[in-house]
Amino acid sequence: MQEIITSIQNWMALRSQPDQLVELFNHSSGFELDMSLFPQHQPLHAYAAVKDNGEFGFYVISQVNDVNSPDEVLSANCFWCGCEGLKSQEITEAVALARIDLWQTDYPEWIPEVVTTPFGIYETFFIPTEDLQPQTYSVSFALKADAVNPSGKIADLILNNGAGVYYDTVLGEPPYRDRSSYYILDLL
C-alpha cells in the first residue's frame, strides 16, 4: 500500500508544476482499463499517480472497495494502469475523436492555465460503469468544453470498447461529488 500512497503523493506534488506535467503527458495519451477486474456496475475511482521511477498512470479501485479497510485489502483491490502512447454515456466517434485531438493539440497550453485555477488539475476521476462490460477498454486523455465556462476546457477521459463505441461518463475531481467515498485520499 505504501507504493500506492507514495505514487499518489508524487502526483499531488506535481499538480502545480506545469512544465513537469507537460513532460509527463508528452509521452502518454491514455491507458488500458480491464473492467473484468472490478465489480460490475459499481463506479470506479482512478487516482492519478507517478511511481518513484517516474512511471505515470492511475491506480484504479472500485468505489465499493475504496473504504476503510486493512492495507492488504486496499492493495489487492487497487490496480495499476500505466499510461502509454495510445493514439487513438456513449458519444459519437466524431465527438470522441475531436476531444482526443483537442487534448493532443492543447494540453501544453491548457496545463499551465489549469494549475492556477482554484481546484488545479485533477486528483482523481470518477468513472461510472453502468454501461460497461467486463472487458478491456482503451482510455484516452481528452479535453471538452467547460459547461460552467464555455470558453474554458476541462479534463476528460474517453473510453473505447474497440468496436467503435465511445463512452463519456467520466468526471475529473476536485470538486468532489462525495469526498467521503475516497478513503485512499485520507491516507495521504
N, C-alpha and C. Protein backbone atom coordinates (compact mmCIF):
# COMPACT_ATOMS: atom_id res chain seq x y z
N MET A 1 0.82 -1.19 0.00
CA MET A 1 0.00 0.00 0.00
C MET A 1 0.87 1.26 0.00
N GLN A 2 2.06 1.13 0.58
CA GLN A 2 2.92 2.31 0.65
C GLN A 2 3.31 2.82 -0.73
N GLU A 3 3.55 1.91 -1.68
CA GLU A 3 3.88 2.36 -3.04
C GLU A 3 2.72 3.13 -3.65
N ILE A 4 1.50 2.69 -3.41
CA ILE A 4 0.32 3.38 -3.93
C ILE A 4 0.23 4.78 -3.33
N ILE A 5 0.36 4.87 -2.02
CA ILE A 5 0.28 6.17 -1.34
C ILE A 5 1.38 7.10 -1.84
N THR A 6 2.61 6.60 -1.91
CA THR A 6 3.74 7.42 -2.37
C THR A 6 3.52 7.88 -3.80
N SER A 7 3.02 7.01 -4.65
CA SER A 7 2.80 7.37 -6.06
C SER A 7 1.73 8.45 -6.19
N ILE A 8 0.67 8.36 -5.40
CA ILE A 8 -0.37 9.39 -5.44
C ILE A 8 0.18 10.70 -4.88
N GLN A 9 0.96 10.61 -3.81
CA GLN A 9 1.59 11.81 -3.26
C GLN A 9 2.52 12.46 -4.28
N ASN A 10 3.23 11.64 -5.06
CA ASN A 10 4.09 12.19 -6.12
C ASN A 10 3.27 13.00 -7.11
N TRP A 11 2.09 12.47 -7.50
CA TRP A 11 1.20 13.20 -8.41
C TRP A 11 0.75 14.51 -7.77
N MET A 12 0.35 14.44 -6.50
CA MET A 12 -0.13 15.64 -5.80
C MET A 12 0.95 16.73 -5.81
N ALA A 13 2.20 16.31 -5.65
CA ALA A 13 3.30 17.28 -5.66
C ALA A 13 3.51 17.89 -7.05
N LEU A 14 3.17 17.15 -8.09
CA LEU A 14 3.35 17.64 -9.46
C LEU A 14 2.16 18.47 -9.97
N ARG A 15 1.04 18.41 -9.30
CA ARG A 15 -0.20 19.05 -9.79
C ARG A 15 -0.05 20.53 -10.05
N SER A 16 0.90 21.19 -9.41
CA SER A 16 1.09 22.63 -9.61
C SER A 16 2.36 22.94 -10.40
N GLN A 17 2.93 21.94 -11.05
CA GLN A 17 4.18 22.09 -11.80
C GLN A 17 3.93 21.91 -13.30
N PRO A 18 3.50 22.97 -13.99
CA PRO A 18 3.09 22.78 -15.39
C PRO A 18 4.17 22.20 -16.31
N ASP A 19 5.41 22.58 -16.14
CA ASP A 19 6.46 22.06 -17.02
C ASP A 19 6.62 20.54 -16.85
N GLN A 20 6.59 20.07 -15.60
CA GLN A 20 6.74 18.64 -15.35
C GLN A 20 5.49 17.87 -15.81
N LEU A 21 4.31 18.48 -15.66
CA LEU A 21 3.09 17.82 -16.13
C LEU A 21 3.10 17.68 -17.65
N VAL A 22 3.48 18.74 -18.33
CA VAL A 22 3.54 18.67 -19.80
C VAL A 22 4.50 17.57 -20.22
N GLU A 23 5.63 17.46 -19.54
CA GLU A 23 6.60 16.40 -19.88
C GLU A 23 6.00 15.01 -19.69
N LEU A 24 5.26 14.81 -18.59
CA LEU A 24 4.59 13.51 -18.38
C LEU A 24 3.63 13.20 -19.53
N PHE A 25 2.81 14.18 -19.89
CA PHE A 25 1.80 13.95 -20.91
C PHE A 25 2.38 13.90 -22.32
N ASN A 26 3.61 14.39 -22.51
CA ASN A 26 4.25 14.29 -23.82
C ASN A 26 4.42 12.84 -24.24
N HIS A 27 4.49 11.93 -23.27
CA HIS A 27 4.73 10.52 -23.56
C HIS A 27 3.53 9.64 -23.25
N SER A 28 2.39 10.25 -22.95
CA SER A 28 1.22 9.48 -22.51
C SER A 28 -0.05 10.07 -23.09
N SER A 29 -0.83 9.22 -23.71
CA SER A 29 -2.12 9.71 -24.21
C SER A 29 -3.29 8.92 -23.65
N GLY A 30 -3.01 7.92 -22.81
CA GLY A 30 -4.09 7.14 -22.22
C GLY A 30 -3.59 5.87 -21.59
N PHE A 31 -4.53 4.95 -21.29
CA PHE A 31 -4.18 3.68 -20.65
C PHE A 31 -5.26 2.66 -20.97
N GLU A 32 -4.98 1.41 -20.63
CA GLU A 32 -5.93 0.32 -20.81
C GLU A 32 -6.63 0.07 -19.47
N LEU A 33 -7.93 -0.15 -19.50
CA LEU A 33 -8.71 -0.42 -18.30
C LEU A 33 -9.45 -1.73 -18.48
N ASP A 34 -9.08 -2.73 -17.69
CA ASP A 34 -9.69 -4.05 -17.77
C ASP A 34 -10.85 -4.12 -16.77
N MET A 35 -12.06 -3.96 -17.26
CA MET A 35 -13.24 -3.92 -16.39
C MET A 35 -13.54 -5.26 -15.73
N SER A 36 -12.94 -6.34 -16.22
CA SER A 36 -13.18 -7.65 -15.59
C SER A 36 -12.54 -7.74 -14.20
N LEU A 37 -11.67 -6.79 -13.84
CA LEU A 37 -11.02 -6.78 -12.54
C LEU A 37 -11.90 -6.20 -11.44
N PHE A 38 -13.00 -5.58 -11.82
CA PHE A 38 -13.81 -4.82 -10.87
C PHE A 38 -15.23 -5.35 -10.78
N PRO A 39 -15.92 -5.10 -9.65
CA PRO A 39 -17.33 -5.47 -9.56
C PRO A 39 -18.13 -4.74 -10.64
N GLN A 40 -19.03 -5.44 -11.28
CA GLN A 40 -19.83 -4.83 -12.34
C GLN A 40 -20.77 -3.77 -11.79
N HIS A 41 -20.97 -2.74 -12.59
CA HIS A 41 -21.96 -1.69 -12.34
C HIS A 41 -21.69 -0.90 -11.07
N GLN A 42 -20.44 -0.87 -10.64
CA GLN A 42 -20.04 -0.05 -9.49
C GLN A 42 -19.05 1.00 -9.99
N PRO A 43 -19.22 2.26 -9.60
CA PRO A 43 -18.30 3.31 -10.06
C PRO A 43 -16.87 3.00 -9.66
N LEU A 44 -15.96 3.53 -10.44
CA LEU A 44 -14.53 3.38 -10.17
C LEU A 44 -13.93 4.72 -9.78
N HIS A 45 -12.87 4.66 -9.00
CA HIS A 45 -12.06 5.83 -8.69
C HIS A 45 -10.70 5.60 -9.33
N ALA A 46 -10.29 6.53 -10.17
CA ALA A 46 -8.98 6.44 -10.82
C ALA A 46 -8.09 7.54 -10.26
N TYR A 47 -7.13 7.14 -9.43
CA TYR A 47 -6.22 8.07 -8.77
C TYR A 47 -4.99 8.29 -9.66
N ALA A 48 -4.77 9.52 -10.08
CA ALA A 48 -3.56 9.84 -10.83
C ALA A 48 -2.36 9.59 -9.93
N ALA A 49 -1.29 9.04 -10.51
CA ALA A 49 -0.12 8.66 -9.71
C ALA A 49 1.14 8.66 -10.56
N VAL A 50 2.26 8.90 -9.89
CA VAL A 50 3.58 8.82 -10.53
C VAL A 50 4.47 8.00 -9.60
N LYS A 51 4.89 6.85 -10.10
CA LYS A 51 5.77 5.99 -9.30
C LYS A 51 7.13 6.65 -9.13
N ASP A 52 7.89 6.19 -8.15
CA ASP A 52 9.20 6.78 -7.88
C ASP A 52 10.15 6.69 -9.08
N ASN A 53 9.93 5.70 -9.95
CA ASN A 53 10.77 5.57 -11.15
C ASN A 53 10.31 6.50 -12.28
N GLY A 54 9.29 7.34 -12.01
CA GLY A 54 8.80 8.30 -12.99
C GLY A 54 7.66 7.79 -13.85
N GLU A 55 7.26 6.53 -13.68
CA GLU A 55 6.17 5.98 -14.48
C GLU A 55 4.85 6.64 -14.07
N PHE A 56 4.12 7.13 -15.06
CA PHE A 56 2.85 7.83 -14.86
C PHE A 56 1.71 6.89 -15.16
N GLY A 57 0.67 6.96 -14.34
CA GLY A 57 -0.51 6.14 -14.56
C GLY A 57 -1.59 6.45 -13.54
N PHE A 58 -2.48 5.48 -13.38
CA PHE A 58 -3.60 5.63 -12.46
C PHE A 58 -3.75 4.35 -11.65
N TYR A 59 -3.98 4.51 -10.36
CA TYR A 59 -4.42 3.39 -9.53
C TYR A 59 -5.93 3.43 -9.55
N VAL A 60 -6.55 2.34 -10.00
CA VAL A 60 -8.00 2.29 -10.15
C VAL A 60 -8.55 1.29 -9.14
N ILE A 61 -9.61 1.73 -8.46
CA ILE A 61 -10.26 0.90 -7.45
C ILE A 61 -11.76 1.14 -7.54
N SER A 62 -12.54 0.10 -7.29
CA SER A 62 -13.99 0.24 -7.27
C SER A 62 -14.38 1.07 -6.05
N GLN A 63 -15.39 1.88 -6.21
CA GLN A 63 -15.86 2.70 -5.10
C GLN A 63 -16.25 1.83 -3.89
N VAL A 64 -16.75 0.63 -4.16
CA VAL A 64 -17.14 -0.25 -3.04
C VAL A 64 -15.94 -0.73 -2.24
N ASN A 65 -14.75 -0.69 -2.83
CA ASN A 65 -13.53 -1.13 -2.13
C ASN A 65 -12.69 0.03 -1.61
N ASP A 66 -13.04 1.26 -2.00
CA ASP A 66 -12.30 2.45 -1.57
C ASP A 66 -12.86 2.90 -0.22
N VAL A 67 -12.65 2.04 0.76
CA VAL A 67 -13.21 2.24 2.10
C VAL A 67 -12.15 1.89 3.14
N ASN A 68 -12.41 2.28 4.37
CA ASN A 68 -11.51 1.98 5.47
C ASN A 68 -11.41 0.47 5.64
N SER A 69 -10.27 -0.06 5.27
CA SER A 69 -10.03 -1.50 5.36
C SER A 69 -8.53 -1.71 5.50
N PRO A 70 -8.09 -2.92 5.87
CA PRO A 70 -6.65 -3.17 6.02
C PRO A 70 -5.89 -2.87 4.72
N ASP A 71 -4.64 -2.45 4.89
CA ASP A 71 -3.81 -2.11 3.74
C ASP A 71 -3.75 -3.21 2.70
N GLU A 72 -3.66 -4.46 3.13
CA GLU A 72 -3.56 -5.55 2.17
C GLU A 72 -4.83 -5.72 1.36
N VAL A 73 -5.98 -5.40 1.95
CA VAL A 73 -7.25 -5.47 1.22
C VAL A 73 -7.33 -4.33 0.20
N LEU A 74 -6.96 -3.13 0.63
CA LEU A 74 -6.93 -1.99 -0.31
C LEU A 74 -5.98 -2.28 -1.47
N SER A 75 -4.78 -2.73 -1.15
CA SER A 75 -3.78 -3.02 -2.18
C SER A 75 -4.27 -4.07 -3.17
N ALA A 76 -4.93 -5.11 -2.66
CA ALA A 76 -5.40 -6.19 -3.53
C ALA A 76 -6.51 -5.74 -4.48
N ASN A 77 -7.19 -4.67 -4.14
CA ASN A 77 -8.31 -4.19 -4.96
C ASN A 77 -7.98 -2.94 -5.76
N CYS A 78 -6.73 -2.50 -5.69
CA CYS A 78 -6.27 -1.29 -6.38
C CYS A 78 -5.35 -1.73 -7.51
N PHE A 79 -5.71 -1.44 -8.75
CA PHE A 79 -4.98 -1.94 -9.91
C PHE A 79 -4.26 -0.80 -10.64
N TRP A 80 -3.00 -1.05 -10.97
CA TRP A 80 -2.18 -0.07 -11.69
C TRP A 80 -2.52 -0.11 -13.17
N CYS A 81 -2.77 1.05 -13.73
CA CYS A 81 -2.99 1.22 -15.17
C CYS A 81 -1.96 2.22 -15.64
N GLY A 82 -0.85 1.72 -16.15
CA GLY A 82 0.22 2.59 -16.61
C GLY A 82 -0.17 3.31 -17.89
N CYS A 83 0.16 4.59 -17.95
CA CYS A 83 -0.16 5.38 -19.15
C CYS A 83 0.80 5.03 -20.26
N GLU A 84 0.28 5.11 -21.46
CA GLU A 84 1.07 4.78 -22.64
C GLU A 84 0.64 5.68 -23.77
N GLY A 85 1.32 5.57 -24.88
CA GLY A 85 1.04 6.41 -26.04
C GLY A 85 -0.06 5.85 -26.92
N LEU A 86 -1.28 5.75 -26.40
CA LEU A 86 -2.42 5.30 -27.22
C LEU A 86 -2.75 6.40 -28.22
N LYS A 87 -2.97 6.06 -29.47
CA LYS A 87 -3.27 7.09 -30.47
C LYS A 87 -4.72 6.94 -30.95
N SER A 88 -5.06 6.76 -30.48
CA SER A 88 -6.41 6.78 -30.95
C SER A 88 -7.51 7.39 -29.93
N GLN A 89 -21.49 8.18 -20.93
CA GLN A 89 -22.62 7.81 -21.69
C GLN A 89 -22.09 7.70 -23.10
N GLU A 90 -22.43 7.00 -23.91
CA GLU A 90 -21.93 6.76 -25.23
C GLU A 90 -21.99 8.07 -26.02
N ILE A 91 -20.90 8.36 -26.69
CA ILE A 91 -20.86 9.54 -27.54
C ILE A 91 -20.44 9.09 -28.93
N THR A 92 -20.61 9.96 -29.90
CA THR A 92 -20.27 9.60 -31.27
C THR A 92 -18.76 9.53 -31.44
N GLU A 93 -18.35 8.78 -32.41
CA GLU A 93 -16.93 8.68 -32.71
C GLU A 93 -16.36 10.05 -33.05
N ALA A 94 -17.10 10.86 -33.80
CA ALA A 94 -16.61 12.18 -34.19
C ALA A 94 -16.35 13.06 -32.97
N VAL A 95 -17.27 13.06 -32.00
CA VAL A 95 -17.11 13.86 -30.79
C VAL A 95 -15.93 13.33 -29.98
N ALA A 96 -15.85 12.02 -29.82
CA ALA A 96 -14.76 11.41 -29.06
C ALA A 96 -13.41 11.76 -29.67
N LEU A 97 -13.29 11.59 -30.96
CA LEU A 97 -12.02 11.87 -31.62
C LEU A 97 -11.68 13.35 -31.58
N ALA A 98 -12.69 14.22 -31.66
CA ALA A 98 -12.45 15.66 -31.57
C ALA A 98 -11.90 16.02 -30.19
N ARG A 99 -12.45 15.41 -29.15
CA ARG A 99 -11.97 15.69 -27.79
C ARG A 99 -10.56 15.15 -27.57
N ILE A 100 -10.29 13.99 -28.12
CA ILE A 100 -8.95 13.41 -28.01
C ILE A 100 -7.96 14.28 -28.77
N ASP A 101 -8.34 14.72 -29.98
CA ASP A 101 -7.48 15.60 -30.77
C ASP A 101 -7.24 16.92 -30.04
N LEU A 102 -8.30 17.46 -29.41
CA LEU A 102 -8.15 18.72 -28.66
C LEU A 102 -7.12 18.54 -27.55
N TRP A 103 -7.15 17.39 -26.87
CA TRP A 103 -6.14 17.11 -25.85
C TRP A 103 -4.75 17.11 -26.47
N GLN A 104 -4.60 16.35 -27.55
CA GLN A 104 -3.28 16.18 -28.14
C GLN A 104 -2.69 17.49 -28.64
N THR A 105 -3.53 18.42 -29.05
CA THR A 105 -3.00 19.70 -29.54
C THR A 105 -2.92 20.77 -28.45
N ASP A 106 -3.80 20.72 -27.44
CA ASP A 106 -3.90 21.84 -26.50
C ASP A 106 -3.34 21.59 -25.11
N TYR A 107 -3.00 20.34 -24.73
CA TYR A 107 -2.60 20.11 -23.35
C TYR A 107 -1.38 20.93 -22.92
N PRO A 108 -0.39 21.21 -23.80
CA PRO A 108 0.75 22.01 -23.32
C PRO A 108 0.35 23.44 -22.91
N GLU A 109 -0.68 23.99 -23.52
CA GLU A 109 -1.16 25.32 -23.14
C GLU A 109 -2.19 25.24 -22.03
N TRP A 110 -3.00 24.17 -22.02
CA TRP A 110 -4.07 24.02 -21.03
C TRP A 110 -3.50 23.78 -19.63
N ILE A 111 -2.47 22.96 -19.50
CA ILE A 111 -1.91 22.62 -18.19
C ILE A 111 -1.46 23.86 -17.42
N PRO A 112 -0.65 24.76 -17.99
CA PRO A 112 -0.25 25.95 -17.22
C PRO A 112 -1.45 26.81 -16.79
N GLU A 113 -2.51 26.80 -17.57
CA GLU A 113 -3.71 27.56 -17.19
C GLU A 113 -4.46 26.89 -16.05
N VAL A 114 -4.66 25.57 -16.15
CA VAL A 114 -5.49 24.87 -15.17
C VAL A 114 -4.83 24.79 -13.79
N VAL A 115 -3.50 24.72 -13.73
CA VAL A 115 -2.86 24.60 -12.42
C VAL A 115 -3.03 25.87 -11.58
N THR A 116 -3.38 26.98 -12.21
CA THR A 116 -3.59 28.23 -11.48
C THR A 116 -5.03 28.44 -11.04
N THR A 117 -5.93 27.53 -11.42
CA THR A 117 -7.33 27.65 -11.02
C THR A 117 -7.51 27.15 -9.59
N PRO A 118 -8.63 27.48 -8.94
CA PRO A 118 -8.81 27.08 -7.55
C PRO A 118 -8.65 25.58 -7.29
N PHE A 119 -9.13 24.72 -8.17
CA PHE A 119 -9.02 23.29 -7.95
C PHE A 119 -7.78 22.69 -8.61
N GLY A 120 -7.16 23.40 -9.54
CA GLY A 120 -5.98 22.88 -10.23
C GLY A 120 -6.33 21.71 -11.14
N ILE A 121 -5.31 20.96 -11.52
CA ILE A 121 -5.52 19.78 -12.35
C ILE A 121 -6.08 18.67 -11.46
N TYR A 122 -6.78 17.74 -12.04
CA TYR A 122 -7.48 16.70 -11.30
C TYR A 122 -6.57 15.92 -10.36
N GLU A 123 -7.19 15.39 -9.31
CA GLU A 123 -6.55 14.43 -8.42
C GLU A 123 -7.01 13.03 -8.78
N THR A 124 -8.30 12.90 -9.12
CA THR A 124 -8.90 11.61 -9.42
C THR A 124 -9.91 11.78 -10.55
N PHE A 125 -10.37 10.65 -11.06
CA PHE A 125 -11.52 10.62 -11.96
C PHE A 125 -12.55 9.68 -11.37
N PHE A 126 -13.80 10.05 -11.46
CA PHE A 126 -14.94 9.22 -11.08
C PHE A 126 -15.44 8.59 -12.37
N ILE A 127 -15.48 7.26 -12.44
CA ILE A 127 -15.84 6.55 -13.67
C ILE A 127 -17.08 5.69 -13.41
N PRO A 128 -18.26 6.17 -13.81
CA PRO A 128 -19.45 5.31 -13.71
C PRO A 128 -19.29 4.12 -14.65
N THR A 129 -19.86 2.97 -14.29
CA THR A 129 -19.63 1.76 -15.08
C THR A 129 -20.92 1.05 -15.49
N GLU A 130 -22.06 1.69 -15.30
CA GLU A 130 -23.34 1.02 -15.59
C GLU A 130 -23.41 0.43 -17.00
N ASP A 131 -22.85 1.13 -17.98
CA ASP A 131 -22.93 0.68 -19.37
C ASP A 131 -21.71 -0.11 -19.83
N LEU A 132 -20.76 -0.34 -18.94
CA LEU A 132 -19.52 -1.02 -19.34
C LEU A 132 -19.61 -2.51 -19.08
N GLN A 133 -18.98 -3.27 -19.96
CA GLN A 133 -18.95 -4.72 -19.87
C GLN A 133 -17.62 -5.17 -19.25
N PRO A 134 -17.52 -6.40 -18.76
CA PRO A 134 -16.25 -6.90 -18.20
C PRO A 134 -15.25 -7.22 -19.30
N GLN A 135 -14.72 -6.20 -19.90
CA GLN A 135 -13.76 -6.31 -20.99
C GLN A 135 -12.75 -5.19 -20.85
N THR A 136 -11.75 -5.17 -21.71
CA THR A 136 -10.73 -4.13 -21.68
C THR A 136 -11.14 -2.97 -22.57
N TYR A 137 -10.98 -1.76 -22.04
CA TYR A 137 -11.27 -0.53 -22.76
C TYR A 137 -9.99 0.26 -22.93
N SER A 138 -9.85 0.90 -24.07
CA SER A 138 -8.78 1.88 -24.25
C SER A 138 -9.29 3.19 -23.68
N VAL A 139 -8.48 3.82 -22.85
CA VAL A 139 -8.86 5.08 -22.23
C VAL A 139 -7.91 6.15 -22.74
N SER A 140 -8.46 7.20 -23.33
CA SER A 140 -7.65 8.27 -23.89
C SER A 140 -7.89 9.58 -23.14
N PHE A 141 -6.81 10.33 -22.94
CA PHE A 141 -6.95 11.66 -22.37
C PHE A 141 -7.67 12.54 -23.38
N ALA A 142 -8.49 13.45 -22.87
CA ALA A 142 -9.25 14.34 -23.74
C ALA A 142 -9.53 15.64 -23.01
N LEU A 143 -9.96 16.63 -23.77
CA LEU A 143 -10.45 17.90 -23.23
C LEU A 143 -11.82 18.16 -23.83
N LYS A 144 -12.70 18.78 -23.03
CA LYS A 144 -14.01 19.17 -23.54
C LYS A 144 -14.34 20.55 -23.01
N ALA A 145 -15.32 21.18 -23.62
CA ALA A 145 -15.74 22.50 -23.19
C ALA A 145 -16.28 22.41 -21.77
N ASP A 146 -15.97 23.41 -20.98
CA ASP A 146 -16.45 23.50 -19.60
C ASP A 146 -17.88 24.04 -19.64
N ALA A 147 -18.82 23.28 -19.08
CA ALA A 147 -20.23 23.69 -19.09
C ALA A 147 -20.44 24.98 -18.31
N VAL A 148 -19.65 25.22 -17.28
CA VAL A 148 -19.78 26.43 -16.47
C VAL A 148 -19.14 27.62 -17.17
N ASN A 149 -18.01 27.39 -17.82
CA ASN A 149 -17.28 28.44 -18.51
C ASN A 149 -17.00 27.97 -19.94
N PRO A 150 -17.93 28.23 -20.87
CA PRO A 150 -17.80 27.69 -22.23
C PRO A 150 -16.50 28.06 -22.95
N SER A 151 -15.84 29.12 -22.53
CA SER A 151 -14.56 29.46 -23.18
C SER A 151 -13.42 28.64 -22.59
N GLY A 152 -13.69 27.93 -21.50
CA GLY A 152 -12.67 27.10 -20.86
C GLY A 152 -12.78 25.65 -21.25
N LYS A 153 -11.79 24.86 -20.84
CA LYS A 153 -11.76 23.43 -21.13
C LYS A 153 -11.54 22.67 -19.83
N ILE A 154 -12.08 21.45 -19.77
CA ILE A 154 -11.86 20.60 -18.60
C ILE A 154 -11.34 19.24 -19.07
N ALA A 155 -10.61 18.59 -18.16
CA ALA A 155 -10.04 17.28 -18.46
C ALA A 155 -11.16 16.25 -18.61
N ASP A 156 -10.92 15.29 -19.47
CA ASP A 156 -11.89 14.26 -19.76
C ASP A 156 -11.13 12.97 -20.07
N LEU A 157 -11.81 11.85 -19.90
CA LEU A 157 -11.31 10.56 -20.35
C LEU A 157 -12.34 9.97 -21.29
N ILE A 158 -11.91 9.44 -22.41
CA ILE A 158 -12.80 8.79 -23.37
C ILE A 158 -12.49 7.30 -23.35
N LEU A 159 -13.50 6.49 -23.08
CA LEU A 159 -13.34 5.04 -23.07
C LEU A 159 -13.84 4.49 -24.40
N ASN A 160 -13.06 3.58 -24.99
CA ASN A 160 -13.40 2.98 -26.28
C ASN A 160 -13.37 1.47 -26.12
N ASN A 161 -14.46 0.80 -26.56
CA ASN A 161 -14.53 -0.65 -26.41
C ASN A 161 -13.83 -1.43 -27.53
N GLY A 162 -13.22 -0.72 -28.47
CA GLY A 162 -12.52 -1.38 -29.57
C GLY A 162 -13.43 -1.78 -30.72
N ALA A 163 -14.73 -1.56 -30.56
CA ALA A 163 -15.70 -1.90 -31.62
C ALA A 163 -16.45 -0.67 -32.09
N GLY A 164 -15.80 0.50 -31.95
CA GLY A 164 -16.41 1.73 -32.44
C GLY A 164 -17.39 2.40 -31.50
N VAL A 165 -17.45 1.96 -30.24
CA VAL A 165 -18.34 2.59 -29.26
C VAL A 165 -17.49 3.35 -28.26
N TYR A 166 -17.84 4.63 -28.04
CA TYR A 166 -17.11 5.50 -27.15
C TYR A 166 -18.00 5.91 -25.99
N TYR A 167 -17.40 5.98 -24.79
CA TYR A 167 -18.15 6.32 -23.59
C TYR A 167 -17.56 7.58 -22.96
N ASP A 168 -18.44 8.45 -22.51
CA ASP A 168 -18.03 9.68 -21.87
C ASP A 168 -18.92 9.92 -20.66
N THR A 169 -18.60 9.29 -19.57
CA THR A 169 -19.36 9.47 -18.33
C THR A 169 -18.44 9.90 -17.19
N VAL A 170 -17.20 10.15 -17.49
CA VAL A 170 -16.15 10.37 -16.51
C VAL A 170 -16.20 11.81 -15.99
N LEU A 171 -15.91 11.97 -14.70
CA LEU A 171 -15.81 13.30 -14.09
C LEU A 171 -14.45 13.45 -13.43
N GLY A 172 -13.72 14.50 -13.80
CA GLY A 172 -12.48 14.81 -13.11
C GLY A 172 -12.81 15.45 -11.77
N GLU A 173 -12.01 15.12 -10.76
CA GLU A 173 -12.26 15.69 -9.43
C GLU A 173 -10.95 16.13 -8.81
N PRO A 174 -10.87 17.24 -8.05
CA PRO A 174 -11.95 18.01 -7.47
C PRO A 174 -12.59 18.97 -8.47
N PRO A 175 -13.76 19.55 -8.15
CA PRO A 175 -14.51 19.34 -6.92
C PRO A 175 -15.08 17.92 -6.88
N TYR A 176 -15.19 17.39 -5.67
CA TYR A 176 -15.65 16.02 -5.47
C TYR A 176 -17.17 15.96 -5.35
N ARG A 177 -17.74 14.94 -5.98
CA ARG A 177 -19.17 14.67 -5.80
C ARG A 177 -19.44 14.24 -4.37
N ASP A 178 -18.56 13.38 -3.85
CA ASP A 178 -18.70 12.88 -2.49
C ASP A 178 -17.30 12.54 -1.98
N ARG A 179 -16.62 13.50 -1.41
CA ARG A 179 -15.24 13.32 -0.97
C ARG A 179 -15.11 12.18 0.04
N SER A 180 -16.15 11.93 0.82
CA SER A 180 -16.07 10.88 1.85
C SER A 180 -15.94 9.48 1.26
N SER A 181 -16.25 9.30 -0.02
CA SER A 181 -16.13 7.97 -0.63
C SER A 181 -14.72 7.69 -1.14
N TYR A 182 -13.81 8.63 -0.99
CA TYR A 182 -12.43 8.47 -1.44
C TYR A 182 -11.51 8.23 -0.24
N TYR A 183 -11.60 7.05 0.32
CA TYR A 183 -10.83 6.75 1.53
C TYR A 183 -9.33 6.87 1.31
N ILE A 184 -8.85 6.45 0.16
CA ILE A 184 -7.40 6.47 -0.09
C ILE A 184 -6.83 7.89 0.07
N LEU A 185 -7.60 8.91 -0.26
CA LEU A 185 -7.11 10.29 -0.07
C LEU A 185 -6.84 10.58 1.40
N ASP A 186 -7.56 9.92 2.29
CA ASP A 186 -7.35 10.12 3.73
C ASP A 186 -6.01 9.55 4.20
N LEU A 187 -5.43 8.67 3.40
CA LEU A 187 -4.15 8.05 3.77
C LEU A 187 -2.95 8.87 3.35
N LEU A 188 -3.16 9.90 2.56
CA LEU A 188 -2.04 10.69 2.04
C LEU A 188 -1.48 11.63 3.09
